[in-house]
């Protein structure tokens, strides 16, 4: 069963990785770098301040905790437990993998930290802004899915790495969202400093 799943994962990865062209290579390299999305982060911060005022401070702390958890789980737990070789380094298929500019990530492959982290923060933000801003949910899901796909396009992750990372991130983001809302009801609503920001 596991062998068949692995073979399916390889076939899907090779297919998705094969959907490349020179005009997309630079775009994918640019998009896979999280720091290049800084203007978007600033926009989201402005939206949080607009809708949550002083509570944005607490939201940022929850977001930082969320990324710290998901990054550690993905990078130091899953990768070191499963020790899956990246497709660009797998001697069985690396000659069939499209690699852009000799870009090769180090370490192991499962799960994709990009997928885990971006889906986690994306789902967390959807819980906060999804009902307040029209189209925020589909646009956010499209962005994080695209960032996750760049890892397959660049040949540094299998499709299964991205899919499982997205699932883990979604779960973590949802749980952190519940924790924040619980804290908001239980503690923040009683604090005059934060309550005044909503008036």
N, C-alpha and C. Protein backbone atom coordinates (compact mmCIF):
# COMPACT_ATOMS: atom_id res chain seq x y z
N UNK A 1 0.82 -1.20 0.00
CA UNK A 1 0.00 0.00 0.00
C UNK A 1 0.87 1.26 0.00
N UNK A 2 1.84 1.32 0.92
CA UNK A 2 2.73 2.48 0.99
C UNK A 2 3.55 2.63 -0.29
N UNK A 3 3.94 1.49 -0.85
CA UNK A 3 4.72 1.52 -2.10
C UNK A 3 3.89 2.14 -3.22
N UNK A 4 2.62 1.76 -3.31
CA UNK A 4 1.74 2.30 -4.36
C UNK A 4 1.51 3.80 -4.16
N UNK A 5 1.36 4.22 -2.90
CA UNK A 5 1.18 5.64 -2.62
C UNK A 5 2.43 6.43 -3.00
N UNK A 6 3.58 5.85 -2.71
CA UNK A 6 4.83 6.51 -3.04
C UNK A 6 5.00 6.65 -4.55
N UNK A 7 4.65 5.59 -5.28
CA UNK A 7 4.75 5.64 -6.74
C UNK A 7 3.78 6.66 -7.33
N UNK A 8 2.57 6.72 -6.76
CA UNK A 8 1.60 7.71 -7.20
C UNK A 8 2.12 9.12 -6.92
N UNK A 9 2.71 9.30 -5.76
CA UNK A 9 3.27 10.61 -5.39
C UNK A 9 4.36 11.02 -6.38
N UNK A 10 5.19 10.09 -6.76
CA UNK A 10 6.27 10.38 -7.72
C UNK A 10 5.70 10.76 -9.07
N UNK A 11 4.67 10.03 -9.52
CA UNK A 11 4.07 10.32 -10.83
C UNK A 11 3.43 11.70 -10.83
N UNK A 12 2.70 12.01 -9.77
CA UNK A 12 2.05 13.32 -9.67
C UNK A 12 3.09 14.43 -9.63
N UNK A 13 4.15 14.20 -8.86
CA UNK A 13 5.23 15.19 -8.75
C UNK A 13 5.88 15.44 -10.09
N UNK A 14 6.21 14.38 -10.82
CA UNK A 14 6.85 14.52 -12.13
C UNK A 14 5.95 15.26 -13.10
N UNK A 15 4.65 14.99 -13.03
CA UNK A 15 3.71 15.68 -13.92
C UNK A 15 3.64 17.16 -13.59
N UNK A 16 3.46 17.50 -12.30
CA UNK A 16 3.35 18.91 -11.92
C UNK A 16 4.66 19.66 -12.16
N UNK A 17 5.77 18.98 -11.93
CA UNK A 17 7.08 19.60 -12.15
C UNK A 17 7.35 19.80 -13.64
N UNK A 18 6.73 18.99 -14.48
CA UNK A 18 6.97 19.08 -15.92
C UNK A 18 6.24 20.26 -16.56
N UNK A 19 5.32 20.88 -15.81
CA UNK A 19 4.55 22.00 -16.35
C UNK A 19 5.36 23.29 -16.22
N UNK A 20 6.47 23.33 -16.91
CA UNK A 20 7.36 24.47 -16.77
C UNK A 20 7.66 25.10 -18.12
N UNK A 21 8.08 26.34 -18.07
CA UNK A 21 8.55 27.04 -19.26
C UNK A 21 9.48 28.15 -18.79
N UNK A 22 10.40 28.59 -19.64
CA UNK A 22 11.39 29.59 -19.21
C UNK A 22 10.78 30.87 -18.64
N UNK A 23 9.63 31.28 -19.16
CA UNK A 23 9.03 32.53 -18.69
C UNK A 23 8.50 32.41 -17.26
N UNK A 24 8.28 31.18 -16.78
CA UNK A 24 7.78 30.97 -15.42
C UNK A 24 8.89 30.74 -14.40
N UNK A 25 10.06 30.35 -14.87
CA UNK A 25 11.13 29.98 -13.96
C UNK A 25 11.48 31.10 -12.98
N UNK A 26 11.69 32.30 -13.50
CA UNK A 26 12.06 33.42 -12.63
C UNK A 26 10.92 33.79 -11.69
N UNK A 27 9.68 33.70 -12.18
CA UNK A 27 8.52 33.99 -11.35
C UNK A 27 8.44 33.02 -10.18
N UNK A 28 8.64 31.75 -10.44
CA UNK A 28 8.57 30.74 -9.39
C UNK A 28 9.69 30.93 -8.36
N UNK A 29 10.87 31.28 -8.83
CA UNK A 29 11.98 31.55 -7.91
C UNK A 29 11.66 32.76 -7.02
N UNK A 30 11.06 33.77 -7.61
CA UNK A 30 10.72 34.97 -6.87
C UNK A 30 9.64 34.67 -5.84
N UNK A 31 8.62 33.94 -6.26
CA UNK A 31 7.46 33.68 -5.38
C UNK A 31 7.78 32.73 -4.24
N UNK A 32 8.76 31.86 -4.43
CA UNK A 32 9.07 30.88 -3.38
C UNK A 32 9.81 31.52 -2.21
N UNK A 33 10.35 32.73 -2.43
CA UNK A 33 11.04 33.47 -1.37
C UNK A 33 10.02 34.27 -0.56
N UNK A 34 9.78 33.84 0.67
CA UNK A 34 8.75 34.47 1.50
C UNK A 34 8.97 35.95 1.74
N UNK A 35 10.25 36.40 1.73
CA UNK A 35 10.53 37.80 1.99
C UNK A 35 10.04 38.70 0.86
N UNK A 36 9.88 38.16 -0.32
CA UNK A 36 9.38 38.96 -1.44
C UNK A 36 7.91 39.32 -1.30
N UNK A 37 7.24 38.68 -0.35
CA UNK A 37 5.83 38.97 -0.10
C UNK A 37 5.65 40.03 0.99
N UNK A 38 6.74 40.71 1.33
CA UNK A 38 6.69 41.71 2.40
C UNK A 38 5.60 42.77 2.20
N UNK A 39 5.41 43.33 0.99
CA UNK A 39 4.32 44.30 0.81
C UNK A 39 2.95 43.73 1.18
N UNK A 40 2.75 42.44 0.89
CA UNK A 40 1.48 41.81 1.26
C UNK A 40 1.35 41.70 2.77
N UNK A 41 2.46 41.38 3.46
CA UNK A 41 2.43 41.30 4.92
C UNK A 41 2.06 42.65 5.52
N UNK A 42 2.61 43.72 4.94
CA UNK A 42 2.31 45.07 5.44
C UNK A 42 0.83 45.40 5.23
N UNK A 43 0.29 45.00 4.08
CA UNK A 43 -1.13 45.22 3.81
C UNK A 43 -2.01 44.47 4.82
N UNK A 44 -1.66 43.23 5.09
CA UNK A 44 -2.44 42.44 6.05
C UNK A 44 -2.34 43.05 7.44
N UNK A 45 -1.16 43.53 7.81
CA UNK A 45 -1.00 44.19 9.10
C UNK A 45 -1.90 45.42 9.19
N UNK A 46 -1.96 46.19 8.11
CA UNK A 46 -2.83 47.37 8.09
C UNK A 46 -4.30 46.98 8.24
N UNK A 47 -4.69 45.88 7.62
CA UNK A 47 -6.08 45.41 7.74
C UNK A 47 -6.38 44.94 9.16
N UNK A 48 -5.43 44.27 9.78
CA UNK A 48 -5.62 43.83 11.16
C UNK A 48 -5.78 45.03 12.10
N UNK A 49 -4.96 46.05 11.90
CA UNK A 49 -5.06 47.25 12.72
C UNK A 49 -6.42 47.92 12.50
N UNK A 50 -6.87 47.93 11.25
CA UNK A 50 -8.16 48.56 10.94
C UNK A 50 -9.31 47.87 11.66
N UNK A 51 -9.30 46.55 11.66
CA UNK A 51 -10.43 45.80 12.21
C UNK A 51 -10.26 45.39 13.68
N UNK A 52 -9.03 45.32 14.14
CA UNK A 52 -8.81 44.84 15.51
C UNK A 52 -8.10 45.83 16.42
N UNK A 53 -7.64 46.94 15.87
CA UNK A 53 -7.03 47.97 16.70
C UNK A 53 -5.88 47.44 17.53
N UNK A 54 -5.93 47.72 18.83
CA UNK A 54 -4.84 47.33 19.73
C UNK A 54 -4.70 45.82 19.89
N UNK A 55 -5.76 45.09 19.59
CA UNK A 55 -5.68 43.63 19.68
C UNK A 55 -4.71 43.04 18.66
N UNK A 56 -4.33 43.84 17.67
CA UNK A 56 -3.36 43.38 16.66
C UNK A 56 -2.07 42.93 17.32
N UNK A 57 -1.71 43.57 18.43
CA UNK A 57 -0.49 43.17 19.15
C UNK A 57 -0.58 41.71 19.58
N UNK A 58 -1.73 41.34 20.13
CA UNK A 58 -1.94 39.96 20.58
C UNK A 58 -2.01 39.02 19.39
N UNK A 59 -2.67 39.46 18.31
CA UNK A 59 -2.77 38.64 17.10
C UNK A 59 -1.38 38.32 16.57
N UNK A 60 -0.50 39.31 16.54
CA UNK A 60 0.86 39.08 16.05
C UNK A 60 1.63 38.10 16.93
N UNK A 61 1.38 38.15 18.23
CA UNK A 61 2.02 37.19 19.14
C UNK A 61 1.52 35.77 18.86
N UNK A 62 0.22 35.63 18.65
CA UNK A 62 -0.34 34.33 18.31
C UNK A 62 0.21 33.83 16.97
N UNK A 63 0.33 34.74 15.99
CA UNK A 63 0.85 34.37 14.68
C UNK A 63 2.31 33.92 14.78
N UNK A 64 3.10 34.65 15.59
CA UNK A 64 4.51 34.28 15.77
C UNK A 64 4.63 32.92 16.44
N UNK A 65 3.78 32.66 17.43
CA UNK A 65 3.78 31.36 18.10
C UNK A 65 3.39 30.26 17.13
N UNK A 66 2.40 30.54 16.30
CA UNK A 66 1.94 29.57 15.32
C UNK A 66 3.05 29.18 14.36
N UNK A 67 3.75 30.18 13.79
CA UNK A 67 4.83 29.89 12.84
C UNK A 67 5.98 29.17 13.53
N UNK A 68 6.27 29.56 14.77
CA UNK A 68 7.35 28.89 15.51
C UNK A 68 7.03 27.40 15.68
N UNK A 69 5.78 27.10 16.00
CA UNK A 69 5.37 25.71 16.21
C UNK A 69 5.41 24.93 14.90
N UNK A 70 4.77 25.47 13.86
CA UNK A 70 4.69 24.73 12.59
C UNK A 70 6.07 24.55 11.96
N UNK A 71 6.91 25.56 12.07
CA UNK A 71 8.23 25.45 11.47
C UNK A 71 9.08 24.41 12.20
N UNK A 72 8.99 24.39 13.52
CA UNK A 72 9.74 23.40 14.28
C UNK A 72 9.23 21.99 14.03
N UNK A 73 7.92 21.84 13.97
CA UNK A 73 7.34 20.52 13.73
C UNK A 73 7.73 20.01 12.35
N UNK A 74 7.62 20.88 11.35
CA UNK A 74 7.94 20.47 9.98
C UNK A 74 9.43 20.24 9.79
N UNK A 75 10.24 21.19 10.24
CA UNK A 75 11.69 21.12 9.97
C UNK A 75 12.44 20.16 10.88
N UNK A 76 12.08 20.14 12.16
CA UNK A 76 12.87 19.37 13.12
C UNK A 76 12.22 18.07 13.58
N UNK A 77 10.93 17.92 13.34
CA UNK A 77 10.25 16.68 13.74
C UNK A 77 10.01 15.79 12.52
N UNK A 78 9.13 16.22 11.63
CA UNK A 78 8.78 15.39 10.48
C UNK A 78 9.99 15.06 9.61
N UNK A 79 10.77 16.08 9.27
CA UNK A 79 11.89 15.85 8.36
C UNK A 79 12.91 14.88 8.97
N UNK A 80 13.19 15.02 10.25
CA UNK A 80 14.19 14.17 10.88
C UNK A 80 13.67 12.77 11.19
N UNK A 81 12.35 12.63 11.27
CA UNK A 81 11.76 11.31 11.50
C UNK A 81 11.66 10.53 10.20
N UNK A 82 11.13 11.17 9.14
CA UNK A 82 10.90 10.46 7.88
C UNK A 82 12.13 10.45 6.97
N UNK A 83 12.98 11.47 7.09
CA UNK A 83 14.24 11.55 6.34
C UNK A 83 14.06 11.22 4.85
N UNK A 84 13.06 11.82 4.25
CA UNK A 84 12.79 11.59 2.83
C UNK A 84 13.70 12.48 1.98
N UNK A 85 14.34 11.89 0.99
CA UNK A 85 15.23 12.64 0.11
C UNK A 85 14.39 13.53 -0.82
N UNK A 86 14.89 14.73 -1.07
CA UNK A 86 14.19 15.64 -1.98
C UNK A 86 14.23 15.10 -3.41
N UNK A 87 13.20 15.39 -4.21
CA UNK A 87 13.19 14.87 -5.59
C UNK A 87 14.41 15.29 -6.41
N UNK A 88 14.90 16.52 -6.19
CA UNK A 88 16.07 16.99 -6.94
C UNK A 88 17.35 16.24 -6.55
N UNK A 89 17.31 15.54 -5.41
CA UNK A 89 18.48 14.80 -4.93
C UNK A 89 18.27 13.29 -5.00
N UNK A 90 17.08 12.86 -5.37
CA UNK A 90 16.76 11.44 -5.44
C UNK A 90 17.36 10.85 -6.73
N UNK A 91 18.32 9.96 -6.58
CA UNK A 91 19.03 9.42 -7.73
C UNK A 91 18.13 8.65 -8.70
N UNK A 92 16.95 8.23 -8.23
CA UNK A 92 16.04 7.46 -9.09
C UNK A 92 15.28 8.36 -10.06
N UNK A 93 15.08 9.61 -9.71
CA UNK A 93 14.26 10.48 -10.56
C UNK A 93 14.87 11.84 -10.84
N UNK A 94 16.03 12.16 -10.23
CA UNK A 94 16.54 13.54 -10.39
C UNK A 94 16.87 13.91 -11.82
N UNK A 95 17.11 12.91 -12.67
CA UNK A 95 17.37 13.21 -14.08
C UNK A 95 16.09 13.59 -14.83
N UNK A 96 14.92 13.39 -14.19
CA UNK A 96 13.64 13.76 -14.80
C UNK A 96 13.05 15.02 -14.18
N UNK A 97 13.72 15.55 -13.16
CA UNK A 97 13.22 16.72 -12.43
C UNK A 97 13.74 18.01 -13.06
N UNK A 98 12.83 18.94 -13.29
CA UNK A 98 13.21 20.26 -13.79
C UNK A 98 13.70 21.10 -12.61
N UNK A 99 14.93 21.56 -12.69
CA UNK A 99 15.54 22.37 -11.64
C UNK A 99 15.87 23.74 -12.21
N UNK A 100 15.52 24.78 -11.49
CA UNK A 100 15.71 26.15 -11.97
C UNK A 100 17.01 26.73 -11.40
N UNK A 101 17.91 27.11 -12.30
CA UNK A 101 19.14 27.77 -11.87
C UNK A 101 19.96 27.02 -10.85
N UNK A 102 19.92 25.70 -10.92
CA UNK A 102 20.66 24.85 -9.97
C UNK A 102 20.22 25.08 -8.52
N UNK A 103 18.97 25.51 -8.35
CA UNK A 103 18.44 25.74 -7.01
C UNK A 103 18.09 24.40 -6.37
N UNK A 104 18.71 24.11 -5.23
CA UNK A 104 18.44 22.88 -4.50
C UNK A 104 18.42 23.19 -3.00
N UNK A 105 17.28 22.97 -2.38
CA UNK A 105 17.19 23.18 -0.94
C UNK A 105 17.92 22.07 -0.22
N UNK A 106 18.45 22.39 0.96
CA UNK A 106 19.14 21.38 1.74
C UNK A 106 18.17 20.63 2.64
N UNK A 107 18.68 19.65 3.34
CA UNK A 107 17.87 18.90 4.29
C UNK A 107 16.92 17.92 3.62
N UNK A 108 15.98 17.44 4.42
CA UNK A 108 15.03 16.44 3.94
C UNK A 108 13.77 17.08 3.38
N UNK A 109 12.89 16.24 2.85
CA UNK A 109 11.79 16.73 2.03
C UNK A 109 10.42 16.75 2.72
N UNK A 110 10.14 15.79 3.58
CA UNK A 110 8.80 15.64 4.16
C UNK A 110 8.77 16.17 5.60
N UNK A 111 7.88 17.15 5.85
CA UNK A 111 6.94 17.81 4.95
C UNK A 111 7.51 19.12 4.44
N UNK A 112 6.77 19.76 3.52
CA UNK A 112 7.19 21.07 3.03
C UNK A 112 6.93 22.13 4.09
N UNK A 113 7.99 22.76 4.57
CA UNK A 113 7.83 23.83 5.57
C UNK A 113 7.11 25.03 4.97
N UNK A 114 7.34 25.30 3.68
CA UNK A 114 6.61 26.40 3.02
C UNK A 114 5.11 26.15 3.11
N UNK A 115 4.70 24.94 2.72
CA UNK A 115 3.27 24.62 2.73
C UNK A 115 2.71 24.67 4.15
N UNK A 116 3.44 24.09 5.10
CA UNK A 116 2.97 24.05 6.49
C UNK A 116 2.82 25.45 7.06
N UNK A 117 3.84 26.27 6.90
CA UNK A 117 3.83 27.61 7.50
C UNK A 117 2.82 28.54 6.83
N UNK A 118 2.79 28.55 5.50
CA UNK A 118 1.90 29.47 4.81
C UNK A 118 0.44 29.07 4.96
N UNK A 119 0.13 27.79 4.94
CA UNK A 119 -1.25 27.37 5.16
C UNK A 119 -1.67 27.66 6.60
N UNK A 120 -0.76 27.49 7.54
CA UNK A 120 -1.08 27.76 8.94
C UNK A 120 -1.46 29.22 9.13
N UNK A 121 -0.61 30.12 8.65
CA UNK A 121 -0.88 31.55 8.84
C UNK A 121 -2.06 31.98 7.99
N UNK A 122 -2.22 31.36 6.81
CA UNK A 122 -3.34 31.70 5.94
C UNK A 122 -4.68 31.36 6.58
N UNK A 123 -4.79 30.15 7.12
CA UNK A 123 -6.04 29.73 7.77
C UNK A 123 -6.30 30.56 9.03
N UNK A 124 -5.24 30.87 9.77
CA UNK A 124 -5.38 31.71 10.95
C UNK A 124 -5.95 33.08 10.58
N UNK A 125 -5.42 33.67 9.52
CA UNK A 125 -5.90 34.99 9.09
C UNK A 125 -7.30 34.94 8.51
N UNK A 126 -7.63 33.85 7.83
CA UNK A 126 -8.99 33.69 7.29
C UNK A 126 -10.00 33.71 8.43
N UNK A 127 -9.65 33.09 9.54
CA UNK A 127 -10.54 33.09 10.70
C UNK A 127 -10.76 34.49 11.27
N UNK A 128 -9.78 35.37 11.05
CA UNK A 128 -9.87 36.73 11.59
C UNK A 128 -10.48 37.72 10.60
N UNK A 129 -10.16 37.55 9.32
CA UNK A 129 -10.55 38.55 8.33
C UNK A 129 -11.49 38.02 7.24
N UNK A 130 -11.69 36.72 7.20
CA UNK A 130 -12.48 36.11 6.13
C UNK A 130 -13.90 36.64 6.02
N UNK A 131 -14.52 36.93 7.16
CA UNK A 131 -15.90 37.41 7.15
C UNK A 131 -15.99 38.93 7.09
N UNK A 132 -14.86 39.58 7.22
CA UNK A 132 -14.84 41.04 7.23
C UNK A 132 -14.48 41.64 5.87
N UNK A 133 -13.74 40.89 5.07
CA UNK A 133 -13.27 41.41 3.78
C UNK A 133 -13.72 40.47 2.66
N UNK A 134 -14.41 41.02 1.69
CA UNK A 134 -14.92 40.24 0.58
C UNK A 134 -13.77 39.63 -0.21
N UNK A 135 -13.90 38.36 -0.54
CA UNK A 135 -12.93 37.60 -1.33
C UNK A 135 -11.61 37.35 -0.61
N UNK A 136 -11.51 37.71 0.68
CA UNK A 136 -10.25 37.48 1.40
C UNK A 136 -9.92 35.99 1.46
N UNK A 137 -10.93 35.17 1.72
CA UNK A 137 -10.70 33.73 1.87
C UNK A 137 -10.19 33.09 0.58
N UNK A 138 -10.89 33.25 -0.56
CA UNK A 138 -10.37 32.60 -1.78
C UNK A 138 -9.03 33.15 -2.24
N UNK A 139 -8.81 34.46 -2.07
CA UNK A 139 -7.54 35.05 -2.48
C UNK A 139 -6.40 34.51 -1.62
N UNK A 140 -6.64 34.39 -0.32
CA UNK A 140 -5.61 33.88 0.59
C UNK A 140 -5.29 32.42 0.27
N UNK A 141 -6.31 31.61 0.07
CA UNK A 141 -6.09 30.20 -0.26
C UNK A 141 -5.36 30.05 -1.59
N UNK A 142 -5.69 30.92 -2.54
CA UNK A 142 -5.01 30.87 -3.84
C UNK A 142 -3.53 31.22 -3.68
N UNK A 143 -3.24 32.24 -2.88
CA UNK A 143 -1.84 32.67 -2.68
C UNK A 143 -1.02 31.59 -2.00
N UNK A 144 -1.53 31.03 -0.90
CA UNK A 144 -0.74 30.03 -0.17
C UNK A 144 -0.60 28.74 -0.99
N UNK A 145 -1.62 28.41 -1.78
CA UNK A 145 -1.54 27.22 -2.64
C UNK A 145 -0.49 27.43 -3.73
N UNK A 146 -0.44 28.63 -4.27
CA UNK A 146 0.54 28.94 -5.31
C UNK A 146 1.97 28.87 -4.76
N UNK A 147 2.15 29.44 -3.57
CA UNK A 147 3.48 29.39 -2.94
C UNK A 147 3.88 27.93 -2.69
N UNK A 148 2.94 27.13 -2.23
CA UNK A 148 3.22 25.71 -1.99
C UNK A 148 3.58 25.00 -3.30
N UNK A 149 2.87 25.34 -4.38
CA UNK A 149 3.14 24.70 -5.68
C UNK A 149 4.53 25.03 -6.20
N UNK A 150 5.05 26.22 -5.87
CA UNK A 150 6.39 26.58 -6.35
C UNK A 150 7.43 25.57 -5.90
N UNK A 151 7.20 24.93 -4.77
CA UNK A 151 8.17 23.97 -4.24
C UNK A 151 8.23 22.71 -5.12
N UNK A 152 7.09 22.35 -5.69
CA UNK A 152 7.06 21.22 -6.62
C UNK A 152 7.67 21.64 -7.96
N UNK A 153 7.30 22.83 -8.43
CA UNK A 153 7.81 23.35 -9.69
C UNK A 153 9.33 23.41 -9.68
N UNK A 154 9.90 23.82 -8.55
CA UNK A 154 11.36 23.97 -8.44
C UNK A 154 12.07 22.64 -8.18
N UNK A 155 11.28 21.58 -7.96
CA UNK A 155 11.87 20.25 -7.80
C UNK A 155 12.43 19.94 -6.44
N UNK A 156 12.05 20.74 -5.43
CA UNK A 156 12.61 20.53 -4.09
C UNK A 156 11.65 19.80 -3.15
N UNK A 157 10.43 19.54 -3.64
CA UNK A 157 9.46 18.80 -2.82
C UNK A 157 8.59 17.91 -3.69
N UNK A 158 8.21 16.77 -3.13
CA UNK A 158 7.20 15.92 -3.76
C UNK A 158 5.82 16.52 -3.50
N UNK A 159 4.88 16.12 -4.33
CA UNK A 159 3.50 16.59 -4.14
C UNK A 159 2.97 16.18 -2.77
N UNK A 160 3.32 14.98 -2.33
CA UNK A 160 2.88 14.51 -1.01
C UNK A 160 3.42 15.35 0.13
N UNK A 161 4.64 15.85 -0.03
CA UNK A 161 5.22 16.73 0.99
C UNK A 161 4.38 17.99 1.14
N UNK A 162 3.98 18.53 0.00
CA UNK A 162 3.19 19.77 -0.01
C UNK A 162 1.78 19.51 0.51
N UNK A 163 1.17 18.41 0.07
CA UNK A 163 -0.19 18.09 0.50
C UNK A 163 -0.25 17.86 2.01
N UNK A 164 0.68 17.09 2.54
CA UNK A 164 0.68 16.83 3.98
C UNK A 164 1.05 18.07 4.77
N UNK A 165 1.96 18.88 4.22
CA UNK A 165 2.30 20.14 4.87
C UNK A 165 1.10 21.08 4.92
N UNK A 166 0.35 21.13 3.82
CA UNK A 166 -0.85 21.97 3.77
C UNK A 166 -1.89 21.50 4.79
N UNK A 167 -2.03 20.18 4.92
CA UNK A 167 -2.99 19.64 5.89
C UNK A 167 -2.56 19.97 7.32
N UNK A 168 -1.27 19.76 7.61
CA UNK A 168 -0.76 20.05 8.96
C UNK A 168 -0.90 21.54 9.27
N UNK A 169 -0.58 22.38 8.29
CA UNK A 169 -0.68 23.82 8.49
C UNK A 169 -2.12 24.27 8.70
N UNK A 170 -3.03 23.70 7.91
CA UNK A 170 -4.44 24.03 8.04
C UNK A 170 -4.95 23.68 9.44
N UNK A 171 -4.59 22.50 9.90
CA UNK A 171 -5.01 22.06 11.23
C UNK A 171 -4.44 22.98 12.30
N UNK A 172 -3.15 23.30 12.20
CA UNK A 172 -2.50 24.17 13.19
C UNK A 172 -3.12 25.57 13.17
N UNK A 173 -3.37 26.09 11.97
CA UNK A 173 -3.96 27.42 11.86
C UNK A 173 -5.36 27.48 12.45
N UNK A 174 -6.13 26.42 12.22
CA UNK A 174 -7.49 26.36 12.76
C UNK A 174 -7.47 26.28 14.29
N UNK A 175 -6.58 25.46 14.83
CA UNK A 175 -6.49 25.33 16.28
C UNK A 175 -6.02 26.63 16.94
N UNK A 176 -5.05 27.30 16.31
CA UNK A 176 -4.58 28.57 16.87
C UNK A 176 -5.66 29.64 16.79
N UNK A 177 -6.45 29.57 15.73
CA UNK A 177 -7.59 30.49 15.58
C UNK A 177 -8.58 30.29 16.72
N UNK A 178 -8.88 29.04 17.05
CA UNK A 178 -9.78 28.74 18.16
C UNK A 178 -9.20 29.22 19.48
N UNK A 179 -7.89 29.03 19.66
CA UNK A 179 -7.24 29.47 20.89
C UNK A 179 -7.30 30.99 21.02
N UNK A 180 -7.09 31.69 19.92
CA UNK A 180 -7.16 33.16 19.97
C UNK A 180 -8.57 33.62 20.31
N UNK A 181 -9.56 33.03 19.68
CA UNK A 181 -10.95 33.44 19.92
C UNK A 181 -11.36 33.14 21.35
N UNK A 182 -10.87 32.02 21.89
CA UNK A 182 -11.14 31.71 23.29
C UNK A 182 -10.51 32.76 24.19
N UNK A 183 -9.25 33.10 23.92
CA UNK A 183 -8.56 34.12 24.71
C UNK A 183 -9.23 35.47 24.59
N UNK A 184 -9.73 35.76 23.39
CA UNK A 184 -10.40 37.04 23.15
C UNK A 184 -11.66 37.15 24.01
N UNK A 185 -12.42 36.07 24.05
CA UNK A 185 -13.66 36.08 24.85
C UNK A 185 -13.38 36.06 26.34
N UNK A 186 -12.37 35.30 26.73
CA UNK A 186 -12.12 35.06 28.15
C UNK A 186 -11.32 36.18 28.81
N UNK A 187 -10.35 36.72 28.08
CA UNK A 187 -9.43 37.66 28.71
C UNK A 187 -9.43 39.06 28.07
N UNK A 188 -9.31 39.10 26.73
CA UNK A 188 -9.14 40.40 26.08
C UNK A 188 -10.37 41.29 26.22
N UNK A 189 -11.55 40.68 26.20
CA UNK A 189 -12.78 41.47 26.29
C UNK A 189 -12.94 42.11 27.67
N UNK A 190 -12.18 41.61 28.66
CA UNK A 190 -12.27 42.17 30.01
C UNK A 190 -11.19 43.22 30.27
N UNK A 191 -10.27 43.35 29.31
CA UNK A 191 -9.15 44.28 29.49
C UNK A 191 -9.52 45.63 28.88
N UNK A 192 -9.51 46.67 29.70
CA UNK A 192 -9.91 48.00 29.22
C UNK A 192 -9.04 48.49 28.08
N UNK A 193 -7.75 48.14 28.11
CA UNK A 193 -6.83 48.60 27.07
C UNK A 193 -7.25 48.08 25.71
N UNK A 194 -7.57 46.77 25.62
CA UNK A 194 -7.96 46.18 24.34
C UNK A 194 -9.42 46.46 24.01
N UNK A 195 -10.26 46.54 25.03
CA UNK A 195 -11.68 46.79 24.78
C UNK A 195 -11.89 48.16 24.18
N UNK A 196 -11.08 49.13 24.59
CA UNK A 196 -11.25 50.48 24.08
C UNK A 196 -10.90 50.60 22.61
N UNK A 197 -10.08 49.66 22.12
CA UNK A 197 -9.68 49.71 20.71
C UNK A 197 -10.83 49.32 19.79
N UNK A 198 -11.86 48.70 20.35
CA UNK A 198 -13.00 48.27 19.53
C UNK A 198 -14.14 49.25 19.59
N UNK A 199 -13.98 50.32 20.35
CA UNK A 199 -15.07 51.29 20.51
C UNK A 199 -15.04 52.36 19.43
